[in-house]
């Protein structure tokens, strides 16, 4: 057999777990993209406005605080009644994001339909504005809706290309793990099968030391 063919056979024997796992993982990712339900995301934007000019830093700090309150029950209660979701459901459908440099809050809502995602984001934005403005005399800031959520044109998940790539990457990891396990198992088996070094013929054996009991028994004989 020629050397290139031998090399090819060695490569196949060594790398077949990875070669098998990668297409299987990619196929699993593609299957997930086909059967999973689509999810849409839409974002509404809320601006924190200071009552006194020149207090932009204060407005930014309050934006950070109110952004963390976006998913709290006191904010979501009104929005839950408006959208028909429970508080527990709405907590999983909404997230708030802030910027360290701007007094703005991005409220993202998700749903199985584009219209549902936009309605959820807008409802939570309105609820946050109403909740915050009840304390505007104490905080010296007001919240206003900067931009309502727009219905997205396409779902954010599933993404066919991303799911296939993730599945293929998982296949690489799984195949590498199997290959490493087989290599360690083969090395252990070789170590067990390896013959012990033969002692040279005629080598005198060193007598084992006799115990006191064995020495006494020998003297009696």
Protein backbone atom coordinates (compact mmCIF):
# COMPACT_ATOMS: atom_id res chain seq x y z
CA UNK A 1 0.00 0.00 0.00
CA UNK A 2 1.36 3.42 -0.90
CA UNK A 3 2.36 5.89 1.79
CA UNK A 4 -0.38 8.47 0.95
CA UNK A 5 -3.06 5.80 1.27
CA UNK A 6 -1.65 4.67 4.61
CA UNK A 7 -1.61 8.26 5.83
CA UNK A 8 -5.19 8.73 4.71
CA UNK A 9 -6.28 5.60 6.54
CA UNK A 10 -4.53 6.73 9.71
CA UNK A 11 -6.24 10.11 9.50
CA UNK A 12 -9.62 8.46 9.02
CA UNK A 13 -9.10 6.13 11.98
CA UNK A 14 -8.02 9.05 14.17
CA UNK A 15 -10.48 11.76 13.18
CA UNK A 16 -13.64 9.82 12.34
CA UNK A 17 -15.48 10.92 15.56
CA UNK A 18 -15.11 14.58 14.59
CA UNK A 19 -15.94 13.94 10.93
CA UNK A 20 -19.12 12.16 12.00
CA UNK A 21 -20.19 14.50 14.80
CA UNK A 22 -19.89 17.78 12.86
CA UNK A 23 -22.50 17.04 10.16
CA UNK A 24 -24.77 15.41 12.75
CA UNK A 25 -24.55 18.54 14.94
CA UNK A 26 -25.20 20.82 11.97
CA UNK A 27 -28.23 18.71 11.00
CA UNK A 28 -29.54 18.90 14.56
CA UNK A 29 -29.15 22.71 14.52
CA UNK A 30 -31.01 22.94 11.23
CA UNK A 31 -33.78 20.73 12.60
CA UNK A 32 -34.13 22.93 15.65
CA UNK A 33 -34.44 26.01 13.44
CA UNK A 34 -37.25 24.35 11.51
CA UNK A 35 -39.36 23.10 14.43
CA UNK A 36 -38.83 25.91 16.98
CA UNK A 37 -41.36 28.71 17.31
CA UNK A 38 -40.31 32.12 15.97
CA UNK A 39 -39.65 34.91 18.46
CA UNK A 40 -39.81 38.62 17.65
CA UNK A 41 -38.23 41.52 19.53
CA UNK A 42 -39.16 45.21 19.52
CA UNK A 43 -37.73 48.12 21.52
CA UNK A 44 -39.27 51.30 22.91
CA UNK A 45 -37.11 54.17 24.19
CA UNK A 46 -37.72 56.28 27.28
CA UNK A 47 -35.81 59.50 28.01
CA UNK A 48 -35.07 60.89 31.48
CA UNK A 49 -35.34 64.70 31.45
CA UNK A 50 -34.01 66.83 34.33
CA UNK A 51 -36.27 69.53 35.72
CA UNK A 52 -33.33 71.91 36.14
CA UNK A 53 -31.03 72.63 33.18
CA UNK A 54 -27.46 71.51 33.57
CA UNK A 55 -28.23 68.35 35.55
CA UNK A 56 -27.55 65.86 32.79
CA UNK A 57 -25.44 63.69 35.10
CA UNK A 58 -28.35 63.43 37.53
CA UNK A 59 -30.67 62.39 34.72
CA UNK A 60 -28.19 59.73 33.61
CA UNK A 61 -27.98 58.33 37.14
CA UNK A 62 -31.76 58.14 37.39
CA UNK A 63 -31.89 56.43 34.00
CA UNK A 64 -29.64 53.70 35.40
CA UNK A 65 -31.90 53.32 38.42
CA UNK A 66 -35.16 53.26 36.49
CA UNK A 67 -33.67 50.86 33.96
CA UNK A 68 -33.14 48.35 36.75
CA UNK A 69 -36.77 48.79 37.81
CA UNK A 70 -38.11 47.87 34.38
CA UNK A 71 -38.67 44.24 35.31
CA UNK A 72 -40.01 44.84 38.81
CA UNK A 73 -43.63 44.03 39.77
CA UNK A 74 -44.49 47.65 40.64
CA UNK A 75 -43.75 48.59 37.03
CA UNK A 76 -45.06 45.47 35.32
CA UNK A 77 -48.41 45.29 37.13
CA UNK A 78 -50.16 47.85 34.93
CA UNK A 79 -48.53 46.54 31.75
CA UNK A 80 -49.56 42.98 32.61
CA UNK A 81 -53.18 44.00 32.88
CA UNK A 82 -52.92 45.84 29.55
CA UNK A 83 -51.26 43.02 27.62
CA UNK A 84 -53.10 40.11 29.20
CA UNK A 85 -49.95 38.47 30.53
CA UNK A 86 -49.30 37.45 34.09
CA UNK A 87 -46.48 39.10 36.00
CA UNK A 88 -44.39 35.94 35.76
CA UNK A 89 -44.88 35.78 31.99
CA UNK A 90 -44.12 39.46 31.49
CA UNK A 91 -40.90 39.22 33.47
CA UNK A 92 -39.58 36.74 30.91
CA UNK A 93 -40.72 38.85 27.94
CA UNK A 94 -39.26 42.25 28.86
CA UNK A 95 -35.78 43.60 29.56
CA UNK A 96 -34.43 47.09 30.19
CA UNK A 97 -31.07 48.37 28.94
CA UNK A 98 -29.34 51.65 29.78
CA UNK A 99 -26.30 53.55 28.59
CA UNK A 100 -23.63 54.91 30.96
CA UNK A 101 -23.38 58.08 28.86
CA UNK A 102 -27.00 58.95 28.03
CA UNK A 103 -30.17 59.38 30.14
CA UNK A 104 -32.10 56.90 28.03
CA UNK A 105 -33.70 53.52 28.72
CA UNK A 106 -34.27 50.91 26.02
CA UNK A 107 -37.18 48.61 26.82
CA UNK A 108 -37.25 45.44 24.71
CA UNK A 109 -40.30 43.24 24.49
CA UNK A 110 -40.47 39.79 22.89
CA UNK A 111 -43.32 37.72 21.55
CA UNK A 112 -44.31 35.09 19.03
CA UNK A 113 -45.75 37.77 16.76
CA UNK A 114 -44.23 41.08 15.73
CA UNK A 115 -47.29 43.03 16.87
CA UNK A 116 -47.24 41.33 20.26
CA UNK A 117 -43.57 42.21 20.82
CA UNK A 118 -44.17 45.90 20.00
CA UNK A 119 -47.28 46.09 22.18
CA UNK A 120 -45.43 44.55 25.12
CA UNK A 121 -42.52 47.00 24.87
CA UNK A 122 -44.86 50.00 24.58
CA UNK A 123 -47.03 48.90 27.51
CA UNK A 124 -44.02 48.52 29.81
CA UNK A 125 -42.59 51.85 28.64
CA UNK A 126 -45.85 53.64 29.47
CA UNK A 127 -46.04 51.92 32.83
CA UNK A 128 -42.46 52.90 33.69
CA UNK A 129 -43.09 56.53 32.72
CA UNK A 130 -46.22 56.70 34.88
CA UNK A 131 -44.51 55.03 37.83
CA UNK A 132 -41.46 57.30 37.72
CA UNK A 133 -43.37 60.54 37.22
CA UNK A 134 -45.32 60.05 40.45
CA UNK A 135 -42.06 60.88 42.23
CA UNK A 136 -40.87 63.64 39.91
CA UNK A 137 -41.17 66.33 42.62
CA UNK A 138 -38.72 64.40 44.78
CA UNK A 139 -36.34 63.28 42.03
CA UNK A 140 -36.44 66.48 39.94
CA UNK A 141 -36.55 64.38 36.75
CA UNK A 142 -39.34 63.32 34.45
CA UNK A 143 -39.59 60.40 32.08
CA UNK A 144 -40.99 60.79 28.58
CA UNK A 145 -41.43 58.29 25.78
CA UNK A 146 -38.81 59.13 23.19
CA UNK A 147 -39.81 56.56 20.55
CA UNK A 148 -42.47 53.84 20.57
CA UNK A 149 -41.62 50.33 19.50
CA UNK A 150 -41.78 49.47 15.81
CA UNK A 151 -42.98 46.06 14.66
CA UNK A 152 -39.96 44.03 13.49
CA UNK A 153 -39.86 42.72 9.94
CA UNK A 154 -38.41 39.31 10.82
CA UNK A 155 -37.96 37.17 13.92
CA UNK A 156 -34.83 37.31 15.99
CA UNK A 157 -34.95 33.55 16.61
CA UNK A 158 -34.60 31.02 15.28
CA UNK A 159 -31.72 31.92 12.98
CA UNK A 160 -31.01 29.08 10.57
CA UNK A 161 -27.37 29.97 9.93
CA UNK A 162 -26.64 30.56 13.61
CA UNK A 163 -28.33 27.33 14.72
CA UNK A 164 -26.42 25.30 12.12
CA UNK A 165 -23.15 26.91 13.21
CA UNK A 166 -23.87 26.22 16.88
CA UNK A 167 -24.75 22.61 16.09
CA UNK A 168 -21.57 22.13 14.09
CA UNK A 169 -19.48 23.64 16.91
CA UNK A 170 -21.13 21.30 19.39
CA UNK A 171 -20.27 18.44 17.05
CA UNK A 172 -16.61 19.49 17.02
CA UNK A 173 -16.52 19.51 20.83
CA UNK A 174 -18.30 16.17 21.15
CA UNK A 175 -16.14 14.52 18.48
CA UNK A 176 -12.95 15.83 20.09
CA UNK A 177 -14.08 14.47 23.45
CA UNK A 178 -14.77 11.03 21.98
CA UNK A 179 -11.43 11.06 20.17
CA UNK A 180 -9.56 12.02 23.35
CA UNK A 181 -11.32 9.30 25.32
CA UNK A 182 -10.49 6.66 22.71
CA UNK A 183 -6.86 7.76 22.62
CA UNK A 184 -6.51 7.48 26.40
CA UNK A 185 -8.24 4.11 26.41
CA UNK A 186 -5.93 2.83 23.67
CA UNK A 187 -2.84 4.04 25.52
CA UNK A 188 -4.00 2.29 28.70
CA UNK A 189 -4.63 -0.95 26.80
CA UNK A 190 -1.17 -0.81 25.22
CA UNK A 191 0.38 -0.34 28.62
CA UNK A 192 -1.41 -3.44 29.91
CA UNK A 193 -0.41 -5.55 26.92
CA UNK A 194 3.23 -4.43 26.95
CA UNK A 195 5.45 -7.45 27.94
CA UNK A 196 7.68 -7.15 30.89
CA UNK A 197 11.38 -6.97 30.23
CA UNK A 198 12.78 -10.52 30.30
CA UNK A 199 15.46 -11.21 32.82
CA UNK A 200 18.79 -12.47 31.31
CA UNK A 201 19.35 -16.22 31.50
CA UNK A 202 21.58 -17.45 34.28
CA UNK A 203 21.06 -14.42 36.45
CA UNK A 204 21.19 -15.58 40.04
CA UNK A 205 18.12 -14.82 42.00
CA UNK A 206 18.46 -13.06 45.29
CA UNK A 207 17.02 -15.21 48.03
CA UNK A 208 14.19 -13.69 49.94
CA UNK A 209 14.92 -12.91 53.57
CA UNK A 210 13.54 -15.50 55.88
CA UNK A 211 11.37 -14.56 58.76
CA UNK A 212 12.32 -15.48 62.31
CA UNK A 213 9.67 -18.21 62.40
CA UNK A 214 10.98 -19.80 59.20
CA UNK A 215 14.57 -19.67 60.53
CA UNK A 216 13.56 -21.41 63.77
CA UNK A 217 11.67 -24.12 61.88
CA UNK A 218 14.71 -24.74 59.68
CA UNK A 219 17.05 -25.10 62.69
CA UNK A 220 14.75 -27.69 64.28
CA UNK A 221 15.01 -29.83 61.16
